[in-house]
Amino acid sequence: MVKSQEDERAHLSRELHDSTSQTLVSIKLLLESAASQLGREHTPAALQRAVQRLGDALHEVRRISHRLRPAELDTLGLPAALDDWPRSSTSTAASASACSSGAMPARCPTK
């Protein structure tokens, strides 16, 4: 049972990374190219916000993918993944703390 759950988590993590992340990157590059063609002073604020939000979404998909199945687990093994866990957890906790204090309103998740 645990093996099948781990296999499913690995599969979902790969799908998020290989499919969803790549699609988001492609869209972001297209929007950035459009903004570049318009020039900085002629780029609508909505387009600039869309690029920022897409970057935030891409970051979130990567974070979810990593939390489902840390790459270190497959490449370096369990000891390395466990060594990395406190660092990545601290980063997540720091973001949550900043959100609750109002320090980073643009990147805070909505509930």
C-alpha atoms as a PDB file:
ATOM      1  CA  MET A   1       0.000   0.000   0.000  1.00  0.00           C
ATOM      2  CA  VAL A   2       2.747   2.479   0.951  1.00  0.00           C
ATOM      3  CA  LYS A   3       4.695   1.582  -2.193  1.00  0.00           C
ATOM      4  CA  SER A   4       1.697   2.347  -4.409  1.00  0.00           C
ATOM      5  CA  GLN A   5       1.153   5.689  -2.623  1.00  0.00           C
ATOM      6  CA  GLU A   6       4.797   6.631  -3.114  1.00  0.00           C
ATOM      7  CA  ASP A   7       4.608   5.619  -6.780  1.00  0.00           C
ATOM      8  CA  GLU A   8       1.521   7.803  -7.243  1.00  0.00           C
ATOM      9  CA  ARG A   9       3.184  10.755  -5.503  1.00  0.00           C
ATOM     10  CA  ALA A  10       6.233  10.370  -7.751  1.00  0.00           C
ATOM     11  CA  HIS A  11       3.987  10.181 -10.812  1.00  0.00           C
ATOM     12  CA  LEU A  12       2.044  13.317  -9.822  1.00  0.00           C
ATOM     13  CA  SER A  13       5.259  15.164  -9.063  1.00  0.00           C
ATOM     14  CA  ARG A  14       6.697  14.287 -12.482  1.00  0.00           C
ATOM     15  CA  GLU A  15       3.469  15.290 -14.240  1.00  0.00           C
ATOM     16  CA  LEU A  16       3.410  18.647 -12.473  1.00  0.00           C
ATOM     17  CA  HIS A  17       7.047  19.261 -13.322  1.00  0.00           C
ATOM     18  CA  ASP A  18       7.144  17.884 -16.852  1.00  0.00           C
ATOM     19  CA  SER A  19       3.744  18.987 -18.114  1.00  0.00           C
ATOM     20  CA  THR A  20       2.143  21.758 -16.091  1.00  0.00           C
ATOM     21  CA  SER A  21       5.365  23.618 -15.288  1.00  0.00           C
ATOM     22  CA  GLN A  22       6.515  23.502 -18.901  1.00  0.00           C
ATOM     23  CA  THR A  23       3.167  24.860 -20.108  1.00  0.00           C
ATOM     24  CA  LEU A  24       3.297  27.690 -17.574  1.00  0.00           C
ATOM     25  CA  VAL A  25       6.882  28.541 -18.560  1.00  0.00           C
ATOM     26  CA  SER A  26       5.884  28.629 -22.229  1.00  0.00           C
ATOM     27  CA  ILE A  27       2.952  30.968 -21.530  1.00  0.00           C
ATOM     28  CA  LYS A  28       5.136  33.197 -19.358  1.00  0.00           C
ATOM     29  CA  LEU A  29       7.762  33.466 -22.106  1.00  0.00           C
ATOM     30  CA  LEU A  30       5.075  34.377 -24.656  1.00  0.00           C
ATOM     31  CA  LEU A  31       3.670  37.089 -22.375  1.00  0.00           C
ATOM     32  CA  GLU A  32       7.155  38.446 -21.641  1.00  0.00           C
ATOM     33  CA  SER A  33       7.888  38.517 -25.370  1.00  0.00           C
ATOM     34  CA  ALA A  34       4.661  40.431 -26.010  1.00  0.00           C
ATOM     35  CA  ALA A  35       5.522  42.897 -23.244  1.00  0.00           C
ATOM     36  CA  SER A  36       9.009  43.333 -24.677  1.00  0.00           C
ATOM     37  CA  GLN A  37       7.616  44.052 -28.151  1.00  0.00           C
ATOM     38  CA  LEU A  38       5.301  46.701 -26.706  1.00  0.00           C
ATOM     39  CA  GLY A  39       8.129  48.340 -24.802  1.00  0.00           C
ATOM     40  CA  ARG A  40       8.271  49.026 -21.086  1.00  0.00           C
ATOM     41  CA  GLU A  41       6.320  52.279 -21.213  1.00  0.00           C
ATOM     42  CA  HIS A  42       3.554  50.852 -23.437  1.00  0.00           C
ATOM     43  CA  THR A  43       3.032  47.546 -21.624  1.00  0.00           C
ATOM     44  CA  PRO A  44      -0.391  47.538 -19.962  1.00  0.00           C
ATOM     45  CA  ALA A  45      -0.349  47.116 -16.193  1.00  0.00           C
ATOM     46  CA  ALA A  46      -2.667  44.115 -16.568  1.00  0.00           C
ATOM     47  CA  LEU A  47      -0.076  42.347 -18.735  1.00  0.00           C
ATOM     48  CA  GLN A  48       2.653  43.079 -16.199  1.00  0.00           C
ATOM     49  CA  ARG A  49       0.439  41.686 -13.404  1.00  0.00           C
ATOM     50  CA  ALA A  50      -0.365  38.628 -15.522  1.00  0.00           C
ATOM     51  CA  VAL A  51       3.345  37.880 -15.964  1.00  0.00           C
ATOM     52  CA  GLN A  52       3.898  38.298 -12.208  1.00  0.00           C
ATOM     53  CA  ARG A  53       0.936  36.086 -11.300  1.00  0.00           C
ATOM     54  CA  LEU A  54       2.068  33.449 -13.777  1.00  0.00           C
ATOM     55  CA  GLY A  55       5.510  33.491 -12.162  1.00  0.00           C
ATOM     56  CA  ASP A  56       3.851  33.054  -8.764  1.00  0.00           C
ATOM     57  CA  ALA A  57       1.756  30.149 -10.092  1.00  0.00           C
ATOM     58  CA  LEU A  58       4.875  28.531 -11.543  1.00  0.00           C
ATOM     59  CA  HIS A  59       6.646  28.864  -8.204  1.00  0.00           C
ATOM     60  CA  GLU A  60       3.660  27.271  -6.442  1.00  0.00           C
ATOM     61  CA  VAL A  61       3.504  24.333  -8.882  1.00  0.00           C
ATOM     62  CA  ARG A  62       7.230  23.725  -8.364  1.00  0.00           C
ATOM     63  CA  ARG A  63       6.784  23.886  -4.593  1.00  0.00           C
ATOM     64  CA  ILE A  64       3.902  21.402  -4.668  1.00  0.00           C
ATOM     65  CA  SER A  65       5.822  19.093  -6.985  1.00  0.00           C
ATOM     66  CA  HIS A  66       8.850  19.167  -4.690  1.00  0.00           C
ATOM     67  CA  ARG A  67       6.753  18.523  -1.593  1.00  0.00           C
ATOM     68  CA  LEU A  68       5.060  15.546  -3.261  1.00  0.00           C
ATOM     69  CA  ARG A  69       8.376  13.917  -4.070  1.00  0.00           C
ATOM     70  CA  PRO A  70      11.659  15.721  -3.307  1.00  0.00           C
ATOM     71  CA  ALA A  71      14.174  15.273  -6.134  1.00  0.00           C
ATOM     72  CA  GLU A  72      16.856  14.573  -3.532  1.00  0.00           C
ATOM     73  CA  LEU A  73      14.996  11.422  -2.550  1.00  0.00           C
ATOM     74  CA  ASP A  74      15.559   9.848  -5.961  1.00  0.00           C
ATOM     75  CA  THR A  75      18.967  11.318  -6.762  1.00  0.00           C
ATOM     76  CA  LEU A  76      20.754  11.342  -3.398  1.00  0.00           C
ATOM     77  CA  GLY A  77      18.634   9.028  -1.258  1.00  0.00           C
ATOM     78  CA  LEU A  78      16.691   9.296   1.965  1.00  0.00           C
ATOM     79  CA  PRO A  79      19.488  10.674   4.205  1.00  0.00           C
ATOM     80  CA  ALA A  80      20.092  13.663   1.897  1.00  0.00           C
ATOM     81  CA  ALA A  81      16.349  14.301   1.528  1.00  0.00           C
ATOM     82  CA  LEU A  82      15.976  14.275   5.309  1.00  0.00           C
ATOM     83  CA  ASP A  83      18.944  16.651   5.676  1.00  0.00           C
ATOM     84  CA  ASP A  84      17.297  19.055   3.198  1.00  0.00           C
ATOM     85  CA  TRP A  85      13.849  18.867   4.776  1.00  0.00           C
ATOM     86  CA  PRO A  86      14.420  21.351   7.653  1.00  0.00           C
ATOM     87  CA  ARG A  87      15.771  23.958   5.220  1.00  0.00           C
ATOM     88  CA  SER A  88      12.827  23.655   2.847  1.00  0.00           C
ATOM     89  CA  SER A  89      10.366  23.564   5.747  1.00  0.00           C
ATOM     90  CA  THR A  90      11.930  26.695   7.217  1.00  0.00           C
ATOM     91  CA  SER A  91      11.530  28.462   3.890  1.00  0.00           C
ATOM     92  CA  THR A  92       7.846  27.496   3.741  1.00  0.00           C
ATOM     93  CA  ALA A  93       7.325  28.503   7.361  1.00  0.00           C
ATOM     94  CA  ALA A  94       9.046  31.859   6.765  1.00  0.00           C
ATOM     95  CA  SER A  95       6.749  32.543   3.817  1.00  0.00           C
ATOM     96  CA  ALA A  96       3.680  31.645   5.849  1.00  0.00           C
ATOM     97  CA  SER A  97       4.867  33.858   8.682  1.00  0.00           C
ATOM     98  CA  ALA A  98       5.469  36.774   6.325  1.00  0.00           C
ATOM     99  CA  CYS A  99       1.998  36.287   4.854  1.00  0.00           C
ATOM    100  CA  SER A 100       0.331  36.306   8.247  1.00  0.00           C
ATOM    101  CA  SER A 101       2.198  39.469   9.218  1.00  0.00           C
ATOM    102  CA  GLY A 102       1.239  41.201   5.964  1.00  0.00           C
ATOM    103  CA  ALA A 103       4.842  41.504   4.805  1.00  0.00           C
ATOM    104  CA  MET A 104       4.301  39.864   1.410  1.00  0.00           C
ATOM    105  CA  PRO A 105       0.683  40.419   0.320  1.00  0.00           C
ATOM    106  CA  ALA A 106       1.338  39.820  -3.406  1.00  0.00           C
ATOM    107  CA  ARG A 107       2.667  36.306  -2.854  1.00  0.00           C
ATOM    108  CA  CYS A 108       0.420  35.135  -0.032  1.00  0.00           C
ATOM    109  CA  PRO A 109      -2.044  32.365  -0.795  1.00  0.00           C
ATOM    110  CA  THR A 110      -5.731  33.119  -0.632  1.00  0.00           C
ATOM    111  CA  LYS A 111      -7.984  30.840   1.370  1.00  0.00           C
END
